[in-house]
C-alpha atoms as a PDB file:
ATOM      1  CA  UNK A   1      22.220 -51.647 -26.557  1.00  0.00           C
ATOM      2  CA  UNK A   2      25.217 -49.336 -26.507  1.00  0.00           C
ATOM      3  CA  UNK A   3      24.207 -45.842 -25.729  1.00  0.00           C
ATOM      4  CA  UNK A   4      21.302 -46.712 -23.615  1.00  0.00           C
ATOM      5  CA  UNK A   5      21.104 -47.759 -19.982  1.00  0.00           C
ATOM      6  CA  UNK A   6      20.609 -51.569 -19.165  1.00  0.00           C
ATOM      7  CA  UNK A   7      18.217 -50.824 -16.591  1.00  0.00           C
ATOM      8  CA  UNK A   8      16.564 -47.468 -15.389  1.00  0.00           C
ATOM      9  CA  UNK A   9      17.984 -45.854 -12.473  1.00  0.00           C
ATOM     10  CA  UNK A  10      15.850 -45.570  -9.506  1.00  0.00           C
ATOM     11  CA  UNK A  11      14.794 -42.262  -8.943  1.00  0.00           C
ATOM     12  CA  UNK A  12      12.838 -41.298  -5.771  1.00  0.00           C
ATOM     13  CA  UNK A  13       9.418 -39.189  -5.620  1.00  0.00           C
ATOM     14  CA  UNK A  14      11.156 -36.373  -4.080  1.00  0.00           C
ATOM     15  CA  UNK A  15      13.606 -36.046  -7.032  1.00  0.00           C
ATOM     16  CA  UNK A  16      11.202 -36.433  -9.557  1.00  0.00           C
ATOM     17  CA  UNK A  17       8.824 -33.677  -8.138  1.00  0.00           C
ATOM     18  CA  UNK A  18      11.684 -31.139  -8.828  1.00  0.00           C
ATOM     19  CA  UNK A  19      11.312 -32.003 -12.397  1.00  0.00           C
ATOM     20  CA  UNK A  20       7.532 -30.584 -12.303  1.00  0.00           C
ATOM     21  CA  UNK A  21       8.699 -27.084 -11.304  1.00  0.00           C
ATOM     22  CA  UNK A  22       7.653 -25.293 -14.379  1.00  0.00           C
ATOM     23  CA  UNK A  23       6.547 -25.887 -18.009  1.00  0.00           C
ATOM     24  CA  UNK A  24       9.682 -24.480 -19.298  1.00  0.00           C
ATOM     25  CA  UNK A  25      11.877 -26.824 -17.776  1.00  0.00           C
ATOM     26  CA  UNK A  26       9.799 -29.908 -18.560  1.00  0.00           C
ATOM     27  CA  UNK A  27      11.673 -30.154 -22.024  1.00  0.00           C
ATOM     28  CA  UNK A  28      15.009 -30.314 -20.686  1.00  0.00           C
ATOM     29  CA  UNK A  29      14.210 -32.195 -17.665  1.00  0.00           C
ATOM     30  CA  UNK A  30      11.804 -34.994 -19.200  1.00  0.00           C
ATOM     31  CA  UNK A  31      13.165 -34.927 -22.636  1.00  0.00           C
ATOM     32  CA  UNK A  32      11.186 -33.831 -25.677  1.00  0.00           C
ATOM     33  CA  UNK A  33       9.717 -36.233 -28.160  1.00  0.00           C
ATOM     34  CA  UNK A  34      12.317 -36.492 -31.275  1.00  0.00           C
ATOM     35  CA  UNK A  35      10.712 -34.806 -34.188  1.00  0.00           C
ATOM     36  CA  UNK A  36       9.838 -37.558 -36.844  1.00  0.00           C
ATOM     37  CA  UNK A  37       7.899 -37.933 -40.212  1.00  0.00           C
ATOM     38  CA  UNK A  38       5.262 -40.701 -40.190  1.00  0.00           C
ATOM     39  CA  UNK A  39       3.664 -42.546 -42.983  1.00  0.00           C
ATOM     40  CA  UNK A  40       0.731 -44.682 -43.104  1.00  0.00           C
ATOM     41  CA  UNK A  41      -1.688 -45.568 -40.622  1.00  0.00           C
ATOM     42  CA  UNK A  42      -1.843 -47.273 -36.893  1.00  0.00           C
ATOM     43  CA  UNK A  43      -1.866 -50.730 -38.537  1.00  0.00           C
ATOM     44  CA  UNK A  44       1.347 -50.281 -40.614  1.00  0.00           C
ATOM     45  CA  UNK A  45       3.143 -48.828 -37.589  1.00  0.00           C
ATOM     46  CA  UNK A  46       2.467 -52.171 -35.632  1.00  0.00           C
ATOM     47  CA  UNK A  47       3.664 -54.073 -38.628  1.00  0.00           C
ATOM     48  CA  UNK A  48       6.784 -51.780 -38.682  1.00  0.00           C
ATOM     49  CA  UNK A  49       7.480 -52.256 -35.017  1.00  0.00           C
ATOM     50  CA  UNK A  50       7.363 -56.161 -35.503  1.00  0.00           C
ATOM     51  CA  UNK A  51       9.567 -55.901 -38.777  1.00  0.00           C
ATOM     52  CA  UNK A  52      12.003 -53.833 -36.529  1.00  0.00           C
ATOM     53  CA  UNK A  53      12.107 -56.662 -34.048  1.00  0.00           C
ATOM     54  CA  UNK A  54      12.707 -59.537 -36.737  1.00  0.00           C
ATOM     55  CA  UNK A  55      15.669 -61.644 -36.166  1.00  0.00           C
ATOM     56  CA  UNK A  56      18.894 -59.871 -37.653  1.00  0.00           C
ATOM     57  CA  UNK A  57      16.661 -56.546 -38.753  1.00  0.00           C
ATOM     58  CA  UNK A  58      18.882 -54.514 -36.358  1.00  0.00           C
ATOM     59  CA  UNK A  59      22.315 -56.135 -37.611  1.00  0.00           C
ATOM     60  CA  UNK A  60      21.327 -55.645 -41.134  1.00  0.00           C
ATOM     61  CA  UNK A  61      20.365 -51.939 -40.486  1.00  0.00           C
ATOM     62  CA  UNK A  62      23.466 -51.130 -38.510  1.00  0.00           C
ATOM     63  CA  UNK A  63      25.634 -52.554 -41.120  1.00  0.00           C
ATOM     64  CA  UNK A  64      24.246 -50.346 -43.616  1.00  0.00           C
ATOM     65  CA  UNK A  65      24.797 -47.555 -41.440  1.00  0.00           C
ATOM     66  CA  UNK A  66      28.422 -48.395 -41.488  1.00  0.00           C
ATOM     67  CA  UNK A  67      28.691 -47.504 -45.152  1.00  0.00           C
ATOM     68  CA  UNK A  68      26.659 -44.386 -45.072  1.00  0.00           C
ATOM     69  CA  UNK A  69      28.445 -41.387 -45.998  1.00  0.00           C
ATOM     70  CA  UNK A  70      26.597 -39.041 -43.650  1.00  0.00           C
ATOM     71  CA  UNK A  71      27.209 -41.247 -40.720  1.00  0.00           C
ATOM     72  CA  UNK A  72      30.863 -41.861 -41.690  1.00  0.00           C
ATOM     73  CA  UNK A  73      31.474 -38.055 -41.822  1.00  0.00           C
ATOM     74  CA  UNK A  74      29.930 -37.494 -38.424  1.00  0.00           C
ATOM     75  CA  UNK A  75      32.047 -40.085 -36.826  1.00  0.00           C
ATOM     76  CA  UNK A  76      35.269 -38.569 -38.472  1.00  0.00           C
ATOM     77  CA  UNK A  77      34.304 -34.918 -37.443  1.00  0.00           C
ATOM     78  CA  UNK A  78      33.849 -36.628 -33.770  1.00  0.00           C
ATOM     79  CA  UNK A  79      37.263 -37.627 -33.846  1.00  0.00           C
ATOM     80  CA  UNK A  80      38.872 -34.585 -35.409  1.00  0.00           C
ATOM     81  CA  UNK A  81      37.133 -32.633 -32.614  1.00  0.00           C
ATOM     82  CA  UNK A  82      38.302 -35.016 -29.830  1.00  0.00           C
ATOM     83  CA  UNK A  83      41.891 -34.869 -30.920  1.00  0.00           C
ATOM     84  CA  UNK A  84      41.831 -31.090 -30.678  1.00  0.00           C
ATOM     85  CA  UNK A  85      40.141 -30.845 -27.457  1.00  0.00           C
ATOM     86  CA  UNK A  86      42.295 -29.675 -24.525  1.00  0.00           C
ATOM     87  CA  UNK A  87      40.076 -30.804 -21.771  1.00  0.00           C
ATOM     88  CA  UNK A  88      36.914 -32.479 -21.170  1.00  0.00           C
ATOM     89  CA  UNK A  89      35.009 -29.036 -20.672  1.00  0.00           C
ATOM     90  CA  UNK A  90      36.073 -28.056 -24.297  1.00  0.00           C
ATOM     91  CA  UNK A  91      35.197 -31.131 -25.598  1.00  0.00           C
ATOM     92  CA  UNK A  92      31.733 -31.062 -24.167  1.00  0.00           C
ATOM     93  CA  UNK A  93      31.241 -27.676 -25.676  1.00  0.00           C
ATOM     94  CA  UNK A  94      32.150 -28.866 -29.157  1.00  0.00           C
ATOM     95  CA  UNK A  95      28.823 -29.426 -31.157  1.00  0.00           C
ATOM     96  CA  UNK A  96      30.735 -32.072 -33.384  1.00  0.00           C
ATOM     97  CA  UNK A  97      31.431 -34.181 -30.228  1.00  0.00           C
ATOM     98  CA  UNK A  98      28.102 -33.686 -28.886  1.00  0.00           C
ATOM     99  CA  UNK A  99      26.424 -34.511 -32.181  1.00  0.00           C
ATOM    100  CA  UNK A 100      27.824 -38.204 -31.830  1.00  0.00           C
ATOM    101  CA  UNK A 101      28.212 -38.485 -28.052  1.00  0.00           C
ATOM    102  CA  UNK A 102      24.588 -37.749 -26.970  1.00  0.00           C
ATOM    103  CA  UNK A 103      22.905 -39.894 -29.402  1.00  0.00           C
ATOM    104  CA  UNK A 104      25.446 -42.991 -28.458  1.00  0.00           C
ATOM    105  CA  UNK A 105      24.392 -42.456 -24.788  1.00  0.00           C
ATOM    106  CA  UNK A 106      20.666 -42.332 -25.683  1.00  0.00           C
ATOM    107  CA  UNK A 107      20.294 -38.520 -25.037  1.00  0.00           C
ATOM    108  CA  UNK A 108      19.736 -37.369 -28.483  1.00  0.00           C
ATOM    109  CA  UNK A 109      16.802 -35.332 -27.362  1.00  0.00           C
ATOM    110  CA  UNK A 110      19.215 -33.193 -25.166  1.00  0.00           C
ATOM    111  CA  UNK A 111      21.211 -31.804 -27.988  1.00  0.00           C
ATOM    112  CA  UNK A 112      19.627 -28.452 -27.662  1.00  0.00           C
ATOM    113  CA  UNK A 113      20.815 -28.169 -24.044  1.00  0.00           C
ATOM    114  CA  UNK A 114      24.492 -28.127 -24.148  1.00  0.00           C
ATOM    115  CA  UNK A 115      25.071 -26.175 -21.014  1.00  0.00           C
ATOM    116  CA  UNK A 116      22.830 -28.571 -19.124  1.00  0.00           C
ATOM    117  CA  UNK A 117      24.585 -31.534 -20.601  1.00  0.00           C
ATOM    118  CA  UNK A 118      27.982 -30.432 -19.618  1.00  0.00           C
ATOM    119  CA  UNK A 119      26.865 -29.839 -16.194  1.00  0.00           C
ATOM    120  CA  UNK A 120      25.006 -33.080 -15.791  1.00  0.00           C
ATOM    121  CA  UNK A 121      27.822 -35.366 -17.286  1.00  0.00           C
ATOM    122  CA  UNK A 122      30.375 -33.756 -14.908  1.00  0.00           C
ATOM    123  CA  UNK A 123      28.306 -34.129 -12.087  1.00  0.00           C
ATOM    124  CA  UNK A 124      28.736 -36.820  -9.160  1.00  0.00           C
ATOM    125  CA  UNK A 125      26.322 -39.688  -9.787  1.00  0.00           C
ATOM    126  CA  UNK A 126      26.580 -40.413  -5.854  1.00  0.00           C
ATOM    127  CA  UNK A 127      25.129 -36.952  -4.832  1.00  0.00           C
ATOM    128  CA  UNK A 128      21.538 -37.876  -3.686  1.00  0.00           C
ATOM    129  CA  UNK A 129      20.513 -34.252  -3.834  1.00  0.00           C
ATOM    130  CA  UNK A 130      22.729 -33.061  -6.728  1.00  0.00           C
ATOM    131  CA  UNK A 131      21.894 -31.992 -10.240  1.00  0.00           C
ATOM    132  CA  UNK A 132      21.609 -35.703 -11.399  1.00  0.00           C
ATOM    133  CA  UNK A 133      18.857 -36.301  -8.664  1.00  0.00           C
ATOM    134  CA  UNK A 134      16.708 -34.253 -10.410  1.00  0.00           C
ATOM    135  CA  UNK A 135      17.176 -34.895 -13.961  1.00  0.00           C
ATOM    136  CA  UNK A 136      16.042 -37.694 -16.310  1.00  0.00           C
ATOM    137  CA  UNK A 137      17.600 -40.792 -15.130  1.00  0.00           C
ATOM    138  CA  UNK A 138      19.379 -41.568 -18.315  1.00  0.00           C
ATOM    139  CA  UNK A 139      21.722 -38.602 -17.397  1.00  0.00           C
ATOM    140  CA  UNK A 140      22.803 -40.435 -14.369  1.00  0.00           C
ATOM    141  CA  UNK A 141      23.151 -43.658 -16.094  1.00  0.00           C
ATOM    142  CA  UNK A 142      25.463 -41.697 -18.737  1.00  0.00           C
ATOM    143  CA  UNK A 143      27.445 -39.934 -16.179  1.00  0.00           C
ATOM    144  CA  UNK A 144      28.073 -43.400 -14.107  1.00  0.00           C
ATOM    145  CA  UNK A 145      29.389 -44.908 -17.239  1.00  0.00           C
ATOM    146  CA  UNK A 146      31.506 -42.371 -18.597  1.00  0.00           C
ATOM    147  CA  UNK A 147      32.955 -41.233 -15.324  1.00  0.00           C
ATOM    148  CA  UNK A 148      34.061 -37.917 -16.988  1.00  0.00           C
ATOM    149  CA  UNK A 149      34.314 -36.250 -13.277  1.00  0.00           C
ATOM    150  CA  UNK A 150      37.298 -38.345 -12.297  1.00  0.00           C
ATOM    151  CA  UNK A 151      38.763 -39.531 -15.569  1.00  0.00           C
ATOM    152  CA  UNK A 152      38.218 -36.279 -17.621  1.00  0.00           C
ATOM    153  CA  UNK A 153      39.367 -36.419 -21.283  1.00  0.00           C
ATOM    154  CA  UNK A 154      40.727 -39.871 -21.092  1.00  0.00           C
ATOM    155  CA  UNK A 155      37.442 -41.482 -20.585  1.00  0.00           C
ATOM    156  CA  UNK A 156      36.408 -40.035 -24.112  1.00  0.00           C
ATOM    157  CA  UNK A 157      39.677 -41.318 -25.573  1.00  0.00           C
ATOM    158  CA  UNK A 158      39.607 -44.784 -24.135  1.00  0.00           C
ATOM    159  CA  UNK A 159      39.560 -47.314 -26.969  1.00  0.00           C
ATOM    160  CA  UNK A 160      36.999 -49.577 -25.419  1.00  0.00           C
ATOM    161  CA  UNK A 161      34.824 -46.577 -25.014  1.00  0.00           C
ATOM    162  CA  UNK A 162      35.288 -45.399 -28.575  1.00  0.00           C
ATOM    163  CA  UNK A 163      34.312 -48.718 -29.780  1.00  0.00           C
ATOM    164  CA  UNK A 164      31.099 -48.692 -27.715  1.00  0.00           C
ATOM    165  CA  UNK A 165      30.330 -45.019 -28.732  1.00  0.00           C
ATOM    166  CA  UNK A 166      30.841 -46.024 -32.440  1.00  0.00           C
ATOM    167  CA  UNK A 167      28.477 -48.933 -31.874  1.00  0.00           C
ATOM    168  CA  UNK A 168      25.951 -46.877 -30.144  1.00  0.00           C
ATOM    169  CA  UNK A 169      25.816 -44.045 -32.915  1.00  0.00           C
ATOM    170  CA  UNK A 170      25.442 -46.621 -35.716  1.00  0.00           C
ATOM    171  CA  UNK A 171      22.466 -47.885 -33.675  1.00  0.00           C
ATOM    172  CA  UNK A 172      21.091 -44.385 -33.204  1.00  0.00           C
ATOM    173  CA  UNK A 173      21.242 -43.547 -36.919  1.00  0.00           C
ATOM    174  CA  UNK A 174      19.700 -46.849 -37.775  1.00  0.00           C
ATOM    175  CA  UNK A 175      16.688 -46.084 -35.413  1.00  0.00           C
ATOM    176  CA  UNK A 176      16.426 -42.696 -36.523  1.00  0.00           C
ATOM    177  CA  UNK A 177      15.672 -43.952 -40.032  1.00  0.00           C
ATOM    178  CA  UNK A 178      12.947 -46.289 -38.550  1.00  0.00           C
ATOM    179  CA  UNK A 179      11.355 -43.035 -37.014  1.00  0.00           C
ATOM    180  CA  UNK A 180      11.449 -41.196 -40.244  1.00  0.00           C
ATOM    181  CA  UNK A 181       8.970 -43.792 -41.519  1.00  0.00           C
ATOM    182  CA  UNK A 182       7.001 -44.535 -38.473  1.00  0.00           C
ATOM    183  CA  UNK A 183       7.186 -42.135 -35.459  1.00  0.00           C
ATOM    184  CA  UNK A 184       8.003 -43.545 -32.366  1.00  0.00           C
ATOM    185  CA  UNK A 185       9.486 -46.762 -33.119  1.00  0.00           C
ATOM    186  CA  UNK A 186      13.105 -46.122 -31.488  1.00  0.00           C
ATOM    187  CA  UNK A 187      11.105 -45.331 -28.496  1.00  0.00           C
ATOM    188  CA  UNK A 188       8.950 -48.432 -28.477  1.00  0.00           C
ATOM    189  CA  UNK A 189      12.166 -50.603 -29.044  1.00  0.00           C
ATOM    190  CA  UNK A 190      13.840 -48.859 -26.021  1.00  0.00           C
ATOM    191  CA  UNK A 191      10.872 -49.262 -23.957  1.00  0.00           C
ATOM    192  CA  UNK A 192      10.565 -53.226 -24.809  1.00  0.00           C
ATOM    193  CA  UNK A 193      14.198 -53.465 -23.873  1.00  0.00           C
ATOM    194  CA  UNK A 194      14.306 -51.725 -20.504  1.00  0.00           C
ATOM    195  CA  UNK A 195      10.985 -51.480 -19.020  1.00  0.00           C
ATOM    196  CA  UNK A 196      11.338 -54.991 -17.431  1.00  0.00           C
ATOM    197  CA  UNK A 197      14.183 -53.371 -15.312  1.00  0.00           C
ATOM    198  CA  UNK A 198      11.612 -50.971 -13.719  1.00  0.00           C
ATOM    199  CA  UNK A 199      11.005 -51.806 -10.031  1.00  0.00           C
ATOM    200  CA  UNK A 200       8.264 -48.959  -9.431  1.00  0.00           C
ATOM    201  CA  UNK A 201       6.426 -46.467 -11.216  1.00  0.00           C
ATOM    202  CA  UNK A 202       9.016 -43.742 -10.265  1.00  0.00           C
ATOM    203  CA  UNK A 203      11.367 -45.625 -12.593  1.00  0.00           C
ATOM    204  CA  UNK A 204       9.018 -44.844 -15.326  1.00  0.00           C
ATOM    205  CA  UNK A 205       8.339 -41.133 -14.537  1.00  0.00           C
ATOM    206  CA  UNK A 206      12.152 -40.641 -14.247  1.00  0.00           C
ATOM    207  CA  UNK A 207      12.984 -41.821 -17.508  1.00  0.00           C
ATOM    208  CA  UNK A 208      11.780 -39.455 -20.274  1.00  0.00           C
ATOM    209  CA  UNK A 209      11.641 -42.203 -22.893  1.00  0.00           C
ATOM    210  CA  UNK A 210       9.698 -44.705 -21.023  1.00  0.00           C
ATOM    211  CA  UNK A 211       7.550 -41.945 -19.516  1.00  0.00           C
ATOM    212  CA  UNK A 212       6.360 -40.970 -22.977  1.00  0.00           C
ATOM    213  CA  UNK A 213       5.756 -44.574 -24.240  1.00  0.00           C
ATOM    214  CA  UNK A 214       3.514 -45.252 -21.475  1.00  0.00           C
ATOM    215  CA  UNK A 215       1.662 -42.235 -20.822  1.00  0.00           C
ATOM    216  CA  UNK A 216       0.995 -42.021 -24.555  1.00  0.00           C
ATOM    217  CA  UNK A 217      -0.195 -45.832 -24.471  1.00  0.00           C
ATOM    218  CA  UNK A 218      -2.442 -45.251 -21.725  1.00  0.00           C
ATOM    219  CA  UNK A 219      -3.831 -42.092 -23.213  1.00  0.00           C
ATOM    220  CA  UNK A 220      -2.868 -39.751 -20.649  1.00  0.00           C
ATOM    221  CA  UNK A 221      -2.598 -35.961 -21.599  1.00  0.00           C
ATOM    222  CA  UNK A 222       0.779 -34.475 -21.869  1.00  0.00           C
ATOM    223  CA  UNK A 223      -0.426 -31.579 -19.585  1.00  0.00           C
ATOM    224  CA  UNK A 224      -0.120 -34.124 -16.828  1.00  0.00           C
ATOM    225  CA  UNK A 225       3.409 -33.479 -16.307  1.00  0.00           C
ATOM    226  CA  UNK A 226       2.824 -30.079 -14.496  1.00  0.00           C
ATOM    227  CA  UNK A 227       0.858 -32.237 -11.863  1.00  0.00           C
ATOM    228  CA  UNK A 228       2.451 -33.560  -8.817  1.00  0.00           C
ATOM    229  CA  UNK A 229       4.617 -36.691  -8.961  1.00  0.00           C
ATOM    230  CA  UNK A 230       2.314 -38.356  -6.862  1.00  0.00           C
ATOM    231  CA  UNK A 231      -0.791 -37.662  -8.840  1.00  0.00           C
ATOM    232  CA  UNK A 232       1.117 -38.776 -12.007  1.00  0.00           C
ATOM    233  CA  UNK A 233       2.118 -41.955 -10.492  1.00  0.00           C
ATOM    234  CA  UNK A 234      -1.522 -42.691  -9.228  1.00  0.00           C
ATOM    235  CA  UNK A 235      -2.808 -42.020 -12.997  1.00  0.00           C
ATOM    236  CA  UNK A 236      -0.333 -44.505 -14.149  1.00  0.00           C
ATOM    237  CA  UNK A 237      -0.821 -47.217 -11.693  1.00  0.00           C
ATOM    238  CA  UNK A 238      -4.475 -46.968 -12.004  1.00  0.00           C
ATOM    239  CA  UNK A 239      -4.465 -48.152 -15.598  1.00  0.00           C
ATOM    240  CA  UNK A 240      -1.152 -50.287 -15.749  1.00  0.00           C
ATOM    241  CA  UNK A 241      -0.059 -52.987 -13.448  1.00  0.00           C
ATOM    242  CA  UNK A 242       3.845 -52.787 -12.976  1.00  0.00           C
ATOM    243  CA  UNK A 243       3.786 -56.681 -13.308  1.00  0.00           C
ATOM    244  CA  UNK A 244       2.927 -56.338 -16.747  1.00  0.00           C
ATOM    245  CA  UNK A 245       6.301 -55.052 -17.768  1.00  0.00           C
ATOM    246  CA  UNK A 246       7.825 -58.301 -17.159  1.00  0.00           C
ATOM    247  CA  UNK A 247       5.129 -60.031 -19.138  1.00  0.00           C
ATOM    248  CA  UNK A 248       6.441 -59.986 -22.691  1.00  0.00           C
ATOM    249  CA  UNK A 249       2.949 -60.198 -24.380  1.00  0.00           C
ATOM    250  CA  UNK A 250       1.454 -57.077 -22.395  1.00  0.00           C
ATOM    251  CA  UNK A 251       4.816 -55.386 -22.801  1.00  0.00           C
ATOM    252  CA  UNK A 252       4.452 -55.671 -26.448  1.00  0.00           C
ATOM    253  CA  UNK A 253       0.917 -54.469 -26.355  1.00  0.00           C
ATOM    254  CA  UNK A 254       1.841 -51.370 -24.653  1.00  0.00           C
ATOM    255  CA  UNK A 255       4.757 -50.770 -27.289  1.00  0.00           C
ATOM    256  CA  UNK A 256       2.010 -51.212 -30.107  1.00  0.00           C
ATOM    257  CA  UNK A 257      -0.534 -48.846 -28.339  1.00  0.00           C
ATOM    258  CA  UNK A 258       2.307 -46.242 -28.268  1.00  0.00           C
ATOM    259  CA  UNK A 259       3.275 -46.516 -32.113  1.00  0.00           C
ATOM    260  CA  UNK A 260      -0.431 -46.686 -33.177  1.00  0.00           C
ATOM    261  CA  UNK A 261      -1.145 -43.442 -31.271  1.00  0.00           C
ATOM    262  CA  UNK A 262       1.897 -41.801 -32.420  1.00  0.00           C
ATOM    263  CA  UNK A 263       0.632 -42.765 -36.035  1.00  0.00           C
ATOM    264  CA  UNK A 264      -2.819 -41.297 -35.474  1.00  0.00           C
ATOM    265  CA  UNK A 265      -1.133 -38.212 -33.872  1.00  0.00           C
ATOM    266  CA  UNK A 266       0.973 -37.719 -37.015  1.00  0.00           C
ATOM    267  CA  UNK A 267      -2.278 -37.669 -39.116  1.00  0.00           C
ATOM    268  CA  UNK A 268      -2.959 -41.350 -39.791  1.00  0.00           C
ATOM    269  CA  UNK A 269      -6.352 -42.665 -39.815  1.00  0.00           C
ATOM    270  CA  UNK A 270      -7.740 -43.884 -36.445  1.00  0.00           C
ATOM    271  CA  UNK A 271      -7.418 -47.486 -36.075  1.00  0.00           C
ATOM    272  CA  UNK A 272      -9.996 -49.860 -34.388  1.00  0.00           C
ATOM    273  CA  UNK A 273      -6.688 -52.061 -33.468  1.00  0.00           C
ATOM    274  CA  UNK A 274      -6.116 -49.273 -30.604  1.00  0.00           C
ATOM    275  CA  UNK A 275      -9.453 -49.583 -29.026  1.00  0.00           C
ATOM    276  CA  UNK A 276      -8.967 -53.525 -29.377  1.00  0.00           C
ATOM    277  CA  UNK A 277      -5.547 -53.172 -27.282  1.00  0.00           C
ATOM    278  CA  UNK A 278      -7.138 -51.186 -24.761  1.00  0.00           C
END
C-alpha cells in the first residue's frame, strides 16, 4: 500500500523506552488517534470493516477519489508548492506539501508536528542512536524510502515517487472517508496488512497504528503508555500470542475488536459481540 511500510521496522526496547519520557511527548512520538466521527454501533462497525475488505472495494473508492474536487485541488497545490521550492528544507516547511506528503507516507497524524517531521525525514536511518531510533517506526520507514538526506529535493520530484505519492494520497482520502463513518477502520485495515510482519512485541509498541489497535482491542488503558516499555510488553504478551498475528482468522478478530471498541468509545451501544471475541 503506497504511503505505508510493507513491514514494521524492528525497534529495540532501549529505543522505545525513550518514547515514554513524558506524557507531553507521547502524542508526537506514538502518534494520536485520528479524529473521526462514528455512526452506528459495534456490530455495524464490524460489517463496515468486512465491506471495506470486499473485493474491489478499495479500487472503487480510490477511483472515486480521483474525481473528487477536494482531492484534485490538494494534489495541484502540492505540485505548485513543490515547483516553487528552492530546496528540500523549504519544501518540508510548506504546509501544502506536507498536507499531501505525510498522508501518502502513512503519517497523517504527524501533520501538527512540522518541525519534528522535517528533522525526522532528513535524519540518518542507519544511526542506531539517532532521532529515528527514538520515534515511531513509520518515520524510519518513510525516511528510508524517500532518502531525502542524500537525494534532497530530487527525491520529491522523481516521477516514480510522484506516482507513488499520488496513489498513496488517493488511498488516504478514501480511507479517511471510511473513518468518517466508522472510526478506526483505516487503522484496522493497516493492522491487517502489516501486523503479520511483526517479529516481536516491540514491533507493535514501536508503531503507533499497530500499538493503538492492539492495546485497544485487548482492553488495555491509554495510561499504560507512561509505563516502562518492558511493562507494556508484558501486558501485551500476557494477553496476546504473537503467533496469532500470522493467523488470518485471529488477526481479523483483533481488528474487529478494535473497531467495535472504537464504536463504543464514540457513543455507540455496547455490544455482546465484543465479549464473544474476548
